[in-house]
Amino acid sequence: MKSWVRWTGWVSIASFQAVWNWKERLAETQSDPPTATPSRVAVDETQIEVDGEKKWLYAAIDTDSKLVLEVDVYSRRGTDPAAAFLYRLTEKHAVSETEFLVDAGGYLTALARQELSGQLNYTTRKHIEKWFQTVTMRIDRFHSFWRGSQASATRWLRRFRYYYNRQRPNQALNGRTPVQEVLN
């Protein structure tokens, strides 16, 4: 009888692992987030550590729906990486009429390069700072930095974006997810 219990426990663990792997592959293939036409987007970057090296995590969040629109990791910060990040954002979302909320850091020049409008704003941008805190808290629970490549850090961050946008209830949205907010 004991071997049967151990065997079914192993099958459960194996099944859980199979489902987990399937969900991770599905998350990578899904269009996340859905295409959006936000009115205001907060953009910022924060320093992270990948395999002992300093990198910069760039993120953009719709201030109304709390939808994380884009994330990426760059080796440095400044106007050029900001412009590259904004270009990726314009390729995925309708942001030509969007007002970008930035904290300087080369963003005003980068916005001008992409023919986007923005303003320095230190108060309404709190959503992006809260998201960075959430990411940092998740990283600290497991390890102080990524062991692996910049690409593996980017994959993890995109999976986390998927989770944050589609599965994690948001208090500011009365328990709804950002995707539910956008699609309703």
Protein backbone atom coordinates (compact mmCIF):
# COMPACT_ATOMS: atom_id res chain seq x y z
CA MET A 1 0.00 0.00 0.00
CA LYS A 2 2.81 2.41 0.84
CA SER A 3 4.41 2.02 -2.59
CA TRP A 4 1.07 2.89 -4.22
CA VAL A 5 0.85 6.09 -2.14
CA ARG A 6 4.41 7.02 -3.07
CA TRP A 7 3.74 6.21 -6.71
CA THR A 8 0.59 8.36 -6.88
CA GLY A 9 2.46 11.14 -5.11
CA TRP A 10 5.16 10.93 -7.74
CA VAL A 11 2.59 10.97 -10.52
CA SER A 12 1.00 14.05 -8.96
CA ILE A 13 4.34 15.80 -8.82
CA ALA A 14 5.15 14.72 -12.38
CA SER A 15 1.72 15.88 -13.54
CA PHE A 16 2.18 19.19 -11.75
CA GLN A 17 5.55 19.62 -13.47
CA ALA A 18 4.03 18.81 -16.88
CA VAL A 19 1.24 21.34 -16.34
CA TRP A 20 3.76 23.92 -15.12
CA ASN A 21 5.93 23.41 -18.23
CA TRP A 22 2.88 23.64 -20.49
CA LYS A 23 1.76 26.89 -18.79
CA GLU A 24 5.23 28.41 -19.15
CA ARG A 25 5.40 27.53 -22.87
CA LEU A 26 1.88 28.92 -23.35
CA ALA A 27 2.81 32.16 -21.56
CA GLU A 28 5.71 32.64 -23.96
CA THR A 29 3.47 32.23 -27.01
CA GLN A 30 0.61 34.42 -25.82
CA SER A 31 0.33 37.99 -26.98
CA ASP A 32 0.94 39.69 -23.69
CA PRO A 33 -0.25 42.18 -23.05
CA PRO A 34 -3.17 42.68 -25.41
CA THR A 35 -2.72 45.58 -27.81
CA ALA A 36 -3.66 48.76 -26.00
CA THR A 37 -4.37 52.40 -26.78
CA PRO A 38 -3.53 54.01 -23.44
CA SER A 39 -4.03 57.69 -22.72
CA ARG A 40 -1.18 57.95 -20.18
CA VAL A 41 1.84 55.70 -19.78
CA ALA A 42 4.49 55.86 -17.08
CA VAL A 43 7.96 54.82 -18.28
CA ASP A 44 11.00 54.26 -16.12
CA GLU A 45 14.03 52.08 -15.54
CA THR A 46 15.62 50.53 -12.48
CA GLN A 47 18.92 48.82 -11.91
CA ILE A 48 19.00 45.03 -11.53
CA GLU A 49 21.86 42.58 -11.25
CA VAL A 50 22.25 39.72 -13.73
CA ASP A 51 24.99 37.20 -12.98
CA GLY A 52 26.90 39.80 -10.97
CA GLU A 53 26.65 42.55 -13.61
CA LYS A 54 24.58 45.72 -13.41
CA LYS A 55 21.78 45.88 -15.98
CA TRP A 56 18.78 48.15 -16.45
CA LEU A 57 15.19 46.98 -16.42
CA TYR A 58 12.95 49.26 -18.51
CA ALA A 59 9.18 49.11 -18.10
CA ALA A 60 6.07 50.93 -19.32
CA ILE A 61 2.70 50.79 -17.53
CA ASP A 62 -0.71 52.19 -18.47
CA THR A 63 -1.59 54.42 -15.50
CA ASP A 64 -5.35 53.81 -15.89
CA SER A 65 -5.57 50.04 -16.35
CA LYS A 66 -2.26 49.20 -14.57
CA LEU A 67 -1.42 47.05 -17.62
CA VAL A 68 2.32 46.47 -17.96
CA LEU A 69 2.80 47.21 -21.64
CA GLU A 70 6.46 46.37 -22.12
CA VAL A 71 9.55 45.23 -20.23
CA ASP A 72 13.11 44.82 -21.42
CA VAL A 73 16.64 44.60 -20.04
CA TYR A 74 19.52 46.71 -21.35
CA SER A 75 23.22 46.77 -20.52
CA ARG A 76 23.18 50.50 -19.85
CA ARG A 77 20.79 53.36 -19.30
CA GLY A 78 20.46 56.63 -21.13
CA THR A 79 18.85 58.20 -24.16
CA ASP A 80 19.71 55.46 -26.67
CA PRO A 81 18.33 52.53 -24.63
CA ALA A 82 15.27 54.64 -23.75
CA ALA A 83 14.68 55.38 -27.45
CA ALA A 84 15.07 51.69 -28.34
CA PHE A 85 12.61 50.75 -25.59
CA LEU A 86 10.08 53.35 -26.75
CA TYR A 87 10.45 52.13 -30.33
CA ARG A 88 9.55 48.57 -29.22
CA LEU A 89 6.54 50.02 -27.40
CA THR A 90 5.34 51.86 -30.54
CA GLU A 91 5.62 48.63 -32.54
CA LYS A 92 3.22 46.80 -30.20
CA HIS A 93 0.75 49.46 -29.06
CA ALA A 94 -1.12 52.46 -30.46
CA VAL A 95 0.69 55.17 -28.50
CA SER A 96 0.94 58.03 -31.00
CA GLU A 97 -1.65 60.03 -28.99
CA THR A 98 -0.42 58.83 -25.59
CA GLU A 99 1.01 61.18 -22.99
CA PHE A 100 4.18 59.69 -21.49
CA LEU A 101 5.05 60.43 -17.88
CA VAL A 102 8.78 60.39 -17.33
CA ASP A 103 11.40 61.43 -14.79
CA ALA A 104 13.94 62.87 -17.24
CA GLY A 105 16.76 60.32 -17.58
CA GLY A 106 17.05 60.94 -21.30
CA TYR A 107 13.37 60.26 -21.89
CA LEU A 108 12.40 63.67 -23.23
CA THR A 109 15.01 63.36 -25.97
CA ALA A 110 14.03 59.73 -26.61
CA LEU A 111 10.35 60.72 -26.85
CA ALA A 112 11.22 63.45 -29.36
CA ARG A 113 13.16 60.92 -31.46
CA GLN A 114 10.03 58.74 -31.66
CA GLU A 115 7.77 61.78 -32.21
CA LEU A 116 5.90 61.05 -28.98
CA SER A 117 4.73 63.55 -26.38
CA GLY A 118 5.56 63.46 -22.72
CA GLN A 119 6.10 65.44 -19.59
CA LEU A 120 8.17 65.28 -16.45
CA ASN A 121 5.88 63.91 -13.78
CA TYR A 122 6.96 62.63 -10.40
CA THR A 123 3.55 61.99 -8.82
CA THR A 124 1.31 60.18 -11.31
CA ARG A 125 4.16 57.79 -12.11
CA LYS A 126 3.70 55.97 -8.80
CA HIS A 127 2.26 52.90 -10.59
CA ILE A 128 5.56 52.14 -12.29
CA GLU A 129 7.43 52.51 -8.99
CA LYS A 130 4.97 50.13 -7.28
CA TRP A 131 5.49 47.61 -10.08
CA PHE A 132 9.27 47.82 -9.64
CA GLN A 133 8.77 47.19 -5.90
CA THR A 134 6.66 44.12 -6.69
CA VAL A 135 9.30 42.77 -9.08
CA THR A 136 12.07 43.45 -6.55
CA MET A 137 10.12 41.68 -3.81
CA ARG A 138 9.68 38.61 -6.06
CA ILE A 139 13.38 38.56 -6.95
CA ASP A 140 14.43 38.90 -3.29
CA ARG A 141 12.26 35.95 -2.28
CA PHE A 142 14.30 33.62 -4.46
CA HIS A 143 17.75 35.15 -4.81
CA SER A 144 19.44 38.52 -4.75
CA PHE A 145 20.17 38.49 -8.49
CA TRP A 146 19.73 36.36 -11.60
CA ARG A 147 22.21 33.63 -12.23
CA GLY A 148 22.26 33.31 -15.97
CA SER A 149 22.10 35.53 -18.97
CA GLN A 150 20.44 38.84 -19.73
CA ALA A 151 18.12 36.87 -22.04
CA SER A 152 17.03 34.58 -19.17
CA ALA A 153 16.30 37.63 -17.01
CA THR A 154 14.23 39.12 -19.83
CA ARG A 155 12.28 35.84 -20.23
CA TRP A 156 11.55 35.74 -16.49
CA LEU A 157 10.41 39.37 -16.51
CA ARG A 158 8.10 38.75 -19.47
CA ARG A 159 6.61 35.73 -17.69
CA PHE A 160 6.15 37.84 -14.60
CA ARG A 161 4.46 40.52 -16.75
CA TYR A 162 2.11 37.81 -18.05
CA TYR A 163 1.29 36.75 -14.48
CA TYR A 164 0.87 40.36 -13.30
CA ASN A 165 -1.35 41.34 -16.24
CA ARG A 166 -3.50 38.21 -16.48
CA GLN A 167 -3.56 36.34 -13.17
CA ARG A 168 -2.72 38.63 -10.25
CA PRO A 169 -5.71 40.54 -8.82
CA ASN A 170 -4.98 44.24 -8.42
CA GLN A 171 -6.32 46.10 -5.37
CA ALA A 172 -6.53 49.39 -7.28
CA LEU A 173 -8.81 47.63 -9.79
CA ASN A 174 -11.13 46.13 -7.13
CA GLY A 175 -9.58 42.67 -7.45
CA ARG A 176 -9.63 42.56 -11.25
CA THR A 177 -6.55 41.97 -13.34
CA PRO A 178 -5.20 44.65 -15.68
CA VAL A 179 -6.23 42.57 -18.72
CA GLN A 180 -9.79 42.33 -17.37
CA GLU A 181 -9.75 46.12 -16.96
CA VAL A 182 -8.57 46.68 -20.55
CA LEU A 183 -10.93 44.17 -22.14
CA ASN A 184 -14.04 45.45 -20.35
